[in-house]
Each structure stands twice: as structure tokens, then as C-alpha cells.
């Protein structure tokens, strides 16, 4: 099993060369480049008041990322990777 970015489950990190691909799939729900190119993609990141135990939430229809306020970069990294690792996508098959 591997993901669109080529990473394996549990093997992803912010230092993964293809992490931005994994993040884009998580945020947009698609592994395809927009018809007008990547420059047309507008991603909104908004802070949420939820606690550190919560994962980031992607609203794929709006390219919106709800990101809780984490106390450190390490926690942010761990939670973001965890959210992406557990992303299931739109399994239409």
C-alpha cells in the first residue's frame, strides 16, 4: 500500500521529499493538478480553538484546513502527519 506521494503508511514525515503532494491530496481530496495549474489553487489555513489532542481537519470542497493551536512545532508535525496517514479519501471503487 502506498499513497499518491509514494510514501507508505506510517512512513511519512514533514521531511519526506513528496510531503507537499501528500498534503495537497489531504487538503483537496484529489491527486490531480487543477485545470488552471497549481497557481490557481487557493488553500486557506484557519486556527481553531480545539485542544492539542485534536487532529487538523481538511474541508476538501473549500481547500480549507482547520488547524488547532499546538504548543510546539513537534506536536504540529506529529498531528499533521497522523491526520494525513489516516486520510481515506473518496474511495469510489
PDB file of N, CA and C in Angstrom:
ATOM      1  N   UNK A   1       0.855  -1.188   0.000  1.00  0.00           N
ATOM      2  CA  UNK A   1       0.000   0.000   0.000  1.00  0.00           C
ATOM      3  C   UNK A   1       0.885   1.229   0.000  1.00  0.00           C
ATOM      4  N   UNK A   2       0.598   2.174  -0.878  1.00  0.00           N
ATOM      5  CA  UNK A   2       1.306   3.452  -0.863  1.00  0.00           C
ATOM      6  C   UNK A   2       0.332   4.552  -1.252  1.00  0.00           C
ATOM      7  N   UNK A   3       0.752   5.759  -1.056  1.00  0.00           N
ATOM      8  CA  UNK A   3      -0.097   6.912  -1.312  1.00  0.00           C
ATOM      9  C   UNK A   3       0.343   7.632  -2.579  1.00  0.00           C
ATOM     10  N   UNK A   4      -0.411   8.644  -2.975  1.00  0.00           N
ATOM     11  CA  UNK A   4      -0.124   9.393  -4.202  1.00  0.00           C
ATOM     12  C   UNK A   4       1.287   9.971  -4.203  1.00  0.00           C
ATOM     13  N   UNK A   5       1.809  10.280  -3.016  1.00  0.00           N
ATOM     14  CA  UNK A   5       3.134  10.871  -2.933  1.00  0.00           C
ATOM     15  C   UNK A   5       4.229   9.820  -2.971  1.00  0.00           C
ATOM     16  N   UNK A   6       3.858   8.530  -2.911  1.00  0.00           N
ATOM     17  CA  UNK A   6       4.848   7.466  -2.921  1.00  0.00           C
ATOM     18  C   UNK A   6       5.276   7.018  -1.546  1.00  0.00           C
ATOM     19  N   UNK A   7       4.790   7.665  -0.509  1.00  0.00           N
ATOM     20  CA  UNK A   7       5.123   7.289   0.865  1.00  0.00           C
ATOM     21  C   UNK A   7       4.279   6.090   1.278  1.00  0.00           C
ATOM     22  N   UNK A   8       4.755   5.359   2.258  1.00  0.00           N
ATOM     23  CA  UNK A   8       3.973   4.250   2.799  1.00  0.00           C
ATOM     24  C   UNK A   8       3.315   4.699   4.093  1.00  0.00           C
ATOM     25  N   UNK A   9       2.220   4.060   4.500  1.00  0.00           N
ATOM     26  CA  UNK A   9       1.553   4.446   5.745  1.00  0.00           C
ATOM     27  C   UNK A   9       2.529   4.389   6.918  1.00  0.00           C
ATOM     28  N   UNK A  10       2.521   5.405   7.729  1.00  0.00           N
ATOM     29  CA  UNK A  10       3.415   5.467   8.870  1.00  0.00           C
ATOM     30  C   UNK A  10       4.819   5.897   8.506  1.00  0.00           C
ATOM     31  N   UNK A  11       5.109   6.008   7.226  1.00  0.00           N
ATOM     32  CA  UNK A  11       6.451   6.363   6.786  1.00  0.00           C
ATOM     33  C   UNK A  11       6.596   7.810   6.367  1.00  0.00           C
ATOM     34  N   UNK A  12       5.564   8.557   6.564  1.00  0.00           N
ATOM     35  CA  UNK A  12       5.568   9.959   6.140  1.00  0.00           C
ATOM     36  C   UNK A  12       6.112  10.857   7.233  1.00  0.00           C
ATOM     37  N   UNK A  13       6.753  11.908   6.825  1.00  0.00           N
ATOM     38  CA  UNK A  13       7.192  12.941   7.759  1.00  0.00           C
ATOM     39  C   UNK A  13       7.272  14.245   6.992  1.00  0.00           C
ATOM     40  N   UNK A  14       7.410  15.340   7.730  1.00  0.00           N
ATOM     41  CA  UNK A  14       7.498  16.644   7.072  1.00  0.00           C
ATOM     42  C   UNK A  14       8.748  16.760   6.224  1.00  0.00           C
ATOM     43  N   UNK A  15       9.712  15.862   6.429  1.00  0.00           N
ATOM     44  CA  UNK A  15      10.940  15.894   5.639  1.00  0.00           C
ATOM     45  C   UNK A  15      10.872  14.987   4.415  1.00  0.00           C
ATOM     46  N   UNK A  16       9.759  14.277   4.255  1.00  0.00           N
ATOM     47  CA  UNK A  16       9.553  13.426   3.078  1.00  0.00           C
ATOM     48  C   UNK A  16       9.625  14.315   1.827  1.00  0.00           C
ATOM     49  N   UNK A  17      10.415  13.920   0.831  1.00  0.00           N
ATOM     50  CA  UNK A  17      10.528  14.767  -0.371  1.00  0.00           C
ATOM     51  C   UNK A  17       9.191  15.052  -1.050  1.00  0.00           C
ATOM     52  N   UNK A  18       8.257  14.138  -0.941  1.00  0.00           N
ATOM     53  CA  UNK A  18       6.959  14.311  -1.582  1.00  0.00           C
ATOM     54  C   UNK A  18       5.866  14.714  -0.605  1.00  0.00           C
ATOM     55  N   UNK A  19       6.234  15.214   0.556  1.00  0.00           N
ATOM     56  CA  UNK A  19       5.230  15.538   1.575  1.00  0.00           C
ATOM     57  C   UNK A  19       4.212  16.555   1.064  1.00  0.00           C
ATOM     58  N   UNK A  20       4.640  17.512   0.252  1.00  0.00           N
ATOM     59  CA  UNK A  20       3.703  18.512  -0.266  1.00  0.00           C
ATOM     60  C   UNK A  20       2.630  17.869  -1.138  1.00  0.00           C
ATOM     61  N   UNK A  21       2.967  16.790  -1.829  1.00  0.00           N
ATOM     62  CA  UNK A  21       1.969  16.074  -2.621  1.00  0.00           C
ATOM     63  C   UNK A  21       0.955  15.432  -1.678  1.00  0.00           C
ATOM     64  N   UNK A  22       1.453  14.800  -0.605  1.00  0.00           N
ATOM     65  CA  UNK A  22       0.563  14.178   0.387  1.00  0.00           C
ATOM     66  C   UNK A  22      -0.356  15.231   1.000  1.00  0.00           C
ATOM     67  N   UNK A  23       0.202  16.375   1.334  1.00  0.00           N
ATOM     68  CA  UNK A  23      -0.575  17.460   1.929  1.00  0.00           C
ATOM     69  C   UNK A  23      -1.623  17.984   0.944  1.00  0.00           C
ATOM     70  N   UNK A  24      -1.243  18.143  -0.313  1.00  0.00           N
ATOM     71  CA  UNK A  24      -2.193  18.631  -1.325  1.00  0.00           C
ATOM     72  C   UNK A  24      -3.354  17.650  -1.504  1.00  0.00           C
ATOM     73  N   UNK A  25      -3.065  16.355  -1.510  1.00  0.00           N
ATOM     74  CA  UNK A  25      -4.124  15.351  -1.626  1.00  0.00           C
ATOM     75  C   UNK A  25      -5.033  15.410  -0.403  1.00  0.00           C
ATOM     76  N   UNK A  26      -4.454  15.562   0.770  1.00  0.00           N
ATOM     77  CA  UNK A  26      -5.228  15.661   2.008  1.00  0.00           C
ATOM     78  C   UNK A  26      -6.148  16.883   1.985  1.00  0.00           C
ATOM     79  N   UNK A  27      -5.632  18.017   1.505  1.00  0.00           N
ATOM     80  CA  UNK A  27      -6.398  19.266   1.517  1.00  0.00           C
ATOM     81  C   UNK A  27      -7.446  19.355   0.421  1.00  0.00           C
ATOM     82  N   UNK A  28      -7.158  18.770  -0.726  1.00  0.00           N
ATOM     83  CA  UNK A  28      -8.058  18.933  -1.867  1.00  0.00           C
ATOM     84  C   UNK A  28      -8.908  17.707  -2.157  1.00  0.00           C
ATOM     85  N   UNK A  29      -8.487  16.541  -1.678  1.00  0.00           N
ATOM     86  CA  UNK A  29      -9.196  15.306  -1.974  1.00  0.00           C
ATOM     87  C   UNK A  29      -8.894  14.781  -3.366  1.00  0.00           C
ATOM     88  N   UNK A  30      -7.909  15.351  -4.031  1.00  0.00           N
ATOM     89  CA  UNK A  30      -7.591  14.945  -5.396  1.00  0.00           C
ATOM     90  C   UNK A  30      -6.082  14.826  -5.578  1.00  0.00           C
ATOM     91  N   UNK A  31      -5.677  13.850  -6.366  1.00  0.00           N
ATOM     92  CA  UNK A  31      -4.257  13.728  -6.684  1.00  0.00           C
ATOM     93  C   UNK A  31      -3.946  14.323  -8.063  1.00  0.00           C
ATOM     94  N   UNK A  32      -4.877  15.084  -8.571  1.00  0.00           N
ATOM     95  CA  UNK A  32      -4.723  15.716  -9.892  1.00  0.00           C
ATOM     96  C   UNK A  32      -4.397  17.203  -9.746  1.00  0.00           C
ATOM     97  N   UNK A  33      -3.654  17.714 -10.696  1.00  0.00           N
ATOM     98  CA  UNK A  33      -3.349  19.142 -10.735  1.00  0.00           C
ATOM     99  C   UNK A  33      -4.590  19.873 -11.248  1.00  0.00           C
ATOM    100  N   UNK A  34      -4.950  21.026 -10.627  1.00  0.00           N
ATOM    101  CA  UNK A  34      -6.117  21.775 -11.118  1.00  0.00           C
ATOM    102  C   UNK A  34      -5.961  22.141 -12.593  1.00  0.00           C
ATOM    103  N   UNK A  35      -7.082  22.259 -13.285  1.00  0.00           N
ATOM    104  CA  UNK A  35      -7.062  22.526 -14.724  1.00  0.00           C
ATOM    105  C   UNK A  35      -6.296  23.813 -15.067  1.00  0.00           C
ATOM    106  N   UNK A  36      -6.319  24.805 -14.178  1.00  0.00           N
ATOM    107  CA  UNK A  36      -5.604  26.056 -14.422  1.00  0.00           C
ATOM    108  C   UNK A  36      -4.234  26.088 -13.756  1.00  0.00           C
ATOM    109  N   UNK A  37      -3.759  24.938 -13.303  1.00  0.00           N
ATOM    110  CA  UNK A  37      -2.422  24.832 -12.720  1.00  0.00           C
ATOM    111  C   UNK A  37      -2.415  25.053 -11.212  1.00  0.00           C
ATOM    112  N   UNK A  38      -1.286  24.760 -10.613  1.00  0.00           N
ATOM    113  CA  UNK A  38      -1.142  24.862  -9.161  1.00  0.00           C
ATOM    114  C   UNK A  38      -1.271  26.292  -8.664  1.00  0.00           C
ATOM    115  N   UNK A  39      -0.959  27.262  -9.493  1.00  0.00           N
ATOM    116  CA  UNK A  39      -1.070  28.660  -9.063  1.00  0.00           C
ATOM    117  C   UNK A  39      -2.522  29.071  -8.839  1.00  0.00           C
ATOM    118  N   UNK A  40      -3.464  28.310  -9.400  1.00  0.00           N
ATOM    119  CA  UNK A  40      -4.882  28.623  -9.200  1.00  0.00           C
ATOM    120  C   UNK A  40      -5.430  28.036  -7.901  1.00  0.00           C
ATOM    121  N   UNK A  41      -4.645  27.174  -7.264  1.00  0.00           N
ATOM    122  CA  UNK A  41      -5.086  26.522  -6.035  1.00  0.00           C
ATOM    123  C   UNK A  41      -4.935  27.477  -4.853  1.00  0.00           C
ATOM    124  N   UNK A  42      -6.026  27.773  -4.202  1.00  0.00           N
ATOM    125  CA  UNK A  42      -6.022  28.660  -3.031  1.00  0.00           C
ATOM    126  C   UNK A  42      -6.328  27.832  -1.796  1.00  0.00           C
ATOM    127  N   UNK A  43      -5.386  27.753  -0.896  1.00  0.00           N
ATOM    128  CA  UNK A  43      -5.550  26.978   0.329  1.00  0.00           C
ATOM    129  C   UNK A  43      -5.669  27.944   1.500  1.00  0.00           C
ATOM    130  N   UNK A  44      -6.672  27.716   2.325  1.00  0.00           N
ATOM    131  CA  UNK A  44      -6.907  28.564   3.490  1.00  0.00           C
ATOM    132  C   UNK A  44      -6.607  27.750   4.740  1.00  0.00           C
ATOM    133  N   UNK A  45      -5.787  28.297   5.613  1.00  0.00           N
ATOM    134  CA  UNK A  45      -5.487  27.661   6.893  1.00  0.00           C
ATOM    135  C   UNK A  45      -6.073  28.550   7.971  1.00  0.00           C
ATOM    136  N   UNK A  46      -6.948  27.964   8.782  1.00  0.00           N
ATOM    137  CA  UNK A  46      -7.548  28.758   9.850  1.00  0.00           C
ATOM    138  C   UNK A  46      -7.318  28.080  11.188  1.00  0.00           C
ATOM    139  N   UNK A  47      -7.060  28.887  12.177  1.00  0.00           N
ATOM    140  CA  UNK A  47      -6.832  28.413  13.530  1.00  0.00           C
ATOM    141  C   UNK A  47      -8.165  28.038  14.170  1.00  0.00           C
ATOM    142  N   UNK A  48      -8.159  26.968  14.941  1.00  0.00           N
ATOM    143  CA  UNK A  48      -9.361  26.559  15.664  1.00  0.00           C
ATOM    144  C   UNK A  48      -9.057  26.533  17.160  1.00  0.00           C
ATOM    145  N   UNK A  49     -10.060  26.741  17.984  1.00  0.00           N
ATOM    146  CA  UNK A  49      -9.838  26.792  19.431  1.00  0.00           C
ATOM    147  C   UNK A  49      -9.726  25.418  20.088  1.00  0.00           C
ATOM    148  N   UNK A  50      -9.805  24.338  19.296  1.00  0.00           N
ATOM    149  CA  UNK A  50      -9.747  22.998  19.886  1.00  0.00           C
ATOM    150  C   UNK A  50      -8.361  22.725  20.465  1.00  0.00           C
ATOM    151  N   UNK A  51      -8.292  21.773  21.355  1.00  0.00           N
ATOM    152  CA  UNK A  51      -7.067  21.469  22.079  1.00  0.00           C
ATOM    153  C   UNK A  51      -6.039  20.702  21.263  1.00  0.00           C
ATOM    154  N   UNK A  52      -4.879  20.497  21.873  1.00  0.00           N
ATOM    155  CA  UNK A  52      -3.760  19.835  21.214  1.00  0.00           C
ATOM    156  C   UNK A  52      -4.032  18.375  20.894  1.00  0.00           C
ATOM    157  N   UNK A  53      -5.001  17.755  21.557  1.00  0.00           N
ATOM    158  CA  UNK A  53      -5.291  16.347  21.304  1.00  0.00           C
ATOM    159  C   UNK A  53      -6.034  16.138  19.991  1.00  0.00           C
ATOM    160  N   UNK A  54      -6.527  17.224  19.377  1.00  0.00           N
ATOM    161  CA  UNK A  54      -7.278  17.122  18.125  1.00  0.00           C
ATOM    162  C   UNK A  54      -6.355  17.186  16.916  1.00  0.00           C
ATOM    163  N   UNK A  55      -6.768  16.491  15.864  1.00  0.00           N
ATOM    164  CA  UNK A  55      -6.015  16.489  14.610  1.00  0.00           C
ATOM    165  C   UNK A  55      -6.488  17.628  13.715  1.00  0.00           C
ATOM    166  N   UNK A  56      -5.640  18.055  12.790  1.00  0.00           N
ATOM    167  CA  UNK A  56      -6.086  19.010  11.775  1.00  0.00           C
ATOM    168  C   UNK A  56      -7.212  18.383  10.941  1.00  0.00           C
ATOM    169  N   UNK A  57      -8.126  19.211  10.466  1.00  0.00           N
ATOM    170  CA  UNK A  57      -9.265  18.742   9.669  1.00  0.00           C
ATOM    171  C   UNK A  57      -9.245  19.463   8.332  1.00  0.00           C
ATOM    172  N   UNK A  58      -9.345  18.690   7.242  1.00  0.00           N
ATOM    173  CA  UNK A  58      -9.384  19.272   5.904  1.00  0.00           C
ATOM    174  C   UNK A  58     -10.819  19.282   5.400  1.00  0.00           C
ATOM    175  N   UNK A  59     -11.258  20.424   4.892  1.00  0.00           N
ATOM    176  CA  UNK A  59     -12.556  20.561   4.231  1.00  0.00           C
ATOM    177  C   UNK A  59     -12.242  20.648   2.734  1.00  0.00           C
ATOM    178  N   UNK A  60     -12.275  19.487   2.070  1.00  0.00           N
ATOM    179  CA  UNK A  60     -11.761  19.397   0.711  1.00  0.00           C
ATOM    180  C   UNK A  60     -12.536  20.232  -0.307  1.00  0.00           C
ATOM    181  N   UNK A  61     -13.809  20.448  -0.095  1.00  0.00           N
ATOM    182  CA  UNK A  61     -14.596  21.236  -1.051  1.00  0.00           C
ATOM    183  C   UNK A  61     -14.147  22.701  -1.083  1.00  0.00           C
ATOM    184  N   UNK A  62     -13.581  23.153   0.019  1.00  0.00           N
ATOM    185  CA  UNK A  62     -13.189  24.562   0.134  1.00  0.00           C
ATOM    186  C   UNK A  62     -11.680  24.750   0.233  1.00  0.00           C
ATOM    187  N   UNK A  63     -10.910  23.657   0.130  1.00  0.00           N
ATOM    188  CA  UNK A  63      -9.452  23.725   0.306  1.00  0.00           C
ATOM    189  C   UNK A  63      -9.103  24.449   1.602  1.00  0.00           C
ATOM    190  N   UNK A  64      -9.794  24.072   2.651  1.00  0.00           N
ATOM    191  CA  UNK A  64      -9.693  24.728   3.949  1.00  0.00           C
ATOM    192  C   UNK A  64      -9.112  23.760   4.967  1.00  0.00           C
ATOM    193  N   UNK A  65      -8.124  24.204   5.731  1.00  0.00           N
ATOM    194  CA  UNK A  65      -7.517  23.390   6.768  1.00  0.00           C
ATOM    195  C   UNK A  65      -7.788  24.030   8.119  1.00  0.00           C
ATOM    196  N   UNK A  66      -8.508  23.303   8.986  1.00  0.00           N
ATOM    197  CA  UNK A  66      -8.710  23.736  10.370  1.00  0.00           C
ATOM    198  C   UNK A  66      -7.532  23.212  11.174  1.00  0.00           C
ATOM    199  N   UNK A  67      -6.758  24.113  11.731  1.00  0.00           N
ATOM    200  CA  UNK A  67      -5.541  23.747  12.424  1.00  0.00           C
ATOM    201  C   UNK A  67      -5.602  24.217  13.871  1.00  0.00           C
ATOM    202  N   UNK A  68      -5.674  23.264  14.818  1.00  0.00           N
ATOM    203  CA  UNK A  68      -5.676  23.671  16.229  1.00  0.00           C
ATOM    204  C   UNK A  68      -4.371  24.381  16.590  1.00  0.00           C
ATOM    205  N   UNK A  69      -4.404  25.155  17.642  1.00  0.00           N
ATOM    206  CA  UNK A  69      -3.185  25.834  18.107  1.00  0.00           C
ATOM    207  C   UNK A  69      -2.362  24.847  18.930  1.00  0.00           C
ATOM    208  N   UNK A  70      -1.242  24.428  18.378  1.00  0.00           N
ATOM    209  CA  UNK A  70      -0.354  23.500  19.063  1.00  0.00           C
ATOM    210  C   UNK A  70       0.750  24.287  19.763  1.00  0.00           C
ATOM    211  N   UNK A  71       1.272  23.715  20.841  1.00  0.00           N
ATOM    212  CA  UNK A  71       2.269  24.431  21.641  1.00  0.00           C
ATOM    213  C   UNK A  71       3.683  24.323  21.086  1.00  0.00           C
ATOM    214  N   UNK A  72       3.892  23.404  20.141  1.00  0.00           N
ATOM    215  CA  UNK A  72       5.241  23.272  19.583  1.00  0.00           C
ATOM    216  C   UNK A  72       5.172  22.789  18.138  1.00  0.00           C
ATOM    217  N   UNK A  73       6.261  22.978  17.415  1.00  0.00           N
ATOM    218  CA  UNK A  73       6.348  22.511  16.036  1.00  0.00           C
ATOM    219  C   UNK A  73       6.340  20.987  15.978  1.00  0.00           C
ATOM    220  N   UNK A  74       6.902  20.350  17.004  1.00  0.00           N
ATOM    221  CA  UNK A  74       6.939  18.898  17.045  1.00  0.00           C
ATOM    222  C   UNK A  74       5.527  18.311  17.125  1.00  0.00           C
ATOM    223  N   UNK A  75       4.686  18.906  17.974  1.00  0.00           N
ATOM    224  CA  UNK A  75       3.299  18.440  18.091  1.00  0.00           C
ATOM    225  C   UNK A  75       2.545  18.703  16.791  1.00  0.00           C
ATOM    226  N   UNK A  76       2.737  19.873  16.213  1.00  0.00           N
ATOM    227  CA  UNK A  76       2.116  20.196  14.928  1.00  0.00           C
ATOM    228  C   UNK A  76       2.508  19.169  13.875  1.00  0.00           C
ATOM    229  N   UNK A  77       3.791  18.881  13.779  1.00  0.00           N
ATOM    230  CA  UNK A  77       4.283  17.918  12.805  1.00  0.00           C
ATOM    231  C   UNK A  77       3.669  16.545  13.025  1.00  0.00           C
ATOM    232  N   UNK A  78       3.672  16.076  14.277  1.00  0.00           N
ATOM    233  CA  UNK A  78       3.126  14.753  14.587  1.00  0.00           C
ATOM    234  C   UNK A  78       1.638  14.659  14.263  1.00  0.00           C
ATOM    235  N   UNK A  79       0.865  15.684  14.625  1.00  0.00           N
ATOM    236  CA  UNK A  79      -0.582  15.655  14.393  1.00  0.00           C
ATOM    237  C   UNK A  79      -0.911  15.753  12.902  1.00  0.00           C
ATOM    238  N   UNK A  80      -0.166  16.572  12.175  1.00  0.00           N
ATOM    239  CA  UNK A  80      -0.414  16.712  10.742  1.00  0.00           C
ATOM    240  C   UNK A  80      -0.084  15.416  10.009  1.00  0.00           C
ATOM    241  N   UNK A  81       1.035  14.810  10.343  1.00  0.00           N
ATOM    242  CA  UNK A  81       1.400  13.533   9.723  1.00  0.00           C
ATOM    243  C   UNK A  81       0.376  12.460  10.092  1.00  0.00           C
ATOM    244  N   UNK A  82      -0.076  12.452  11.341  1.00  0.00           N
ATOM    245  CA  UNK A  82      -1.085  11.477  11.779  1.00  0.00           C
ATOM    246  C   UNK A  82      -2.386  11.660  11.004  1.00  0.00           C
ATOM    247  N   UNK A  83      -2.814  12.901  10.820  1.00  0.00           N
ATOM    248  CA  UNK A  83      -4.046  13.170  10.078  1.00  0.00           C
ATOM    249  C   UNK A  83      -3.921  12.707   8.628  1.00  0.00           C
ATOM    250  N   UNK A  84      -2.785  12.966   8.020  1.00  0.00           N
ATOM    251  CA  UNK A  84      -2.579  12.562   6.628  1.00  0.00           C
ATOM    252  C   UNK A  84      -2.473  11.044   6.523  1.00  0.00           C
ATOM    253  N   UNK A  85      -1.813  10.410   7.498  1.00  0.00           N
ATOM    254  CA  UNK A  85      -1.689   8.945   7.488  1.00  0.00           C
ATOM    255  C   UNK A  85      -3.048   8.263   7.574  1.00  0.00           C
ATOM    256  N   UNK A  86      -4.010   8.889   8.240  1.00  0.00           N
ATOM    257  CA  UNK A  86      -5.320   8.271   8.413  1.00  0.00           C
ATOM    258  C   UNK A  86      -6.368   8.796   7.429  1.00  0.00           C
ATOM    259  N   UNK A  87      -5.929   9.556   6.466  1.00  0.00           N
ATOM    260  CA  UNK A  87      -6.816  10.073   5.424  1.00  0.00           C
ATOM    261  C   UNK A  87      -7.237   8.928   4.516  1.00  0.00           C
ATOM    262  N   UNK A  88      -8.516   8.802   4.275  1.00  0.00           N
ATOM    263  CA  UNK A  88      -9.025   7.720   3.427  1.00  0.00           C
ATOM    264  C   UNK A  88      -9.436   8.179   2.053  1.00  0.00           C
ATOM    265  N   UNK A  89      -9.693   9.454   1.879  1.00  0.00           N
ATOM    266  CA  UNK A  89     -10.061   9.950   0.568  1.00  0.00           C
ATOM    267  C   UNK A  89     -11.473   9.561   0.171  1.00  0.00           C
ATOM    268  N   UNK A  90     -11.748   9.698  -1.107  1.00  0.00           N
ATOM    269  CA  UNK A  90     -13.056   9.369  -1.646  1.00  0.00           C
ATOM    270  C   UNK A  90     -12.928   8.073  -2.426  1.00  0.00           C
ATOM    271  N   UNK A  91     -13.087   6.986  -1.763  1.00  0.00           N
ATOM    272  CA  UNK A  91     -12.932   5.684  -2.387  1.00  0.00           C
ATOM    273  C   UNK A  91     -14.192   5.360  -3.191  1.00  0.00           C
ATOM    274  N   UNK A  92     -14.123   5.569  -4.495  1.00  0.00           N
ATOM    275  CA  UNK A  92     -15.280   5.341  -5.350  1.00  0.00           C
ATOM    276  C   UNK A  92     -15.246   3.979  -6.020  1.00  0.00           C
ATOM    277  N   UNK A  93     -14.154   3.242  -5.838  1.00  0.00           N
ATOM    278  CA  UNK A  93     -14.020   1.935  -6.490  1.00  0.00           C
ATOM    279  C   UNK A  93     -14.732   0.851  -5.726  1.00  0.00           C
TER     280      UNK A  93
END
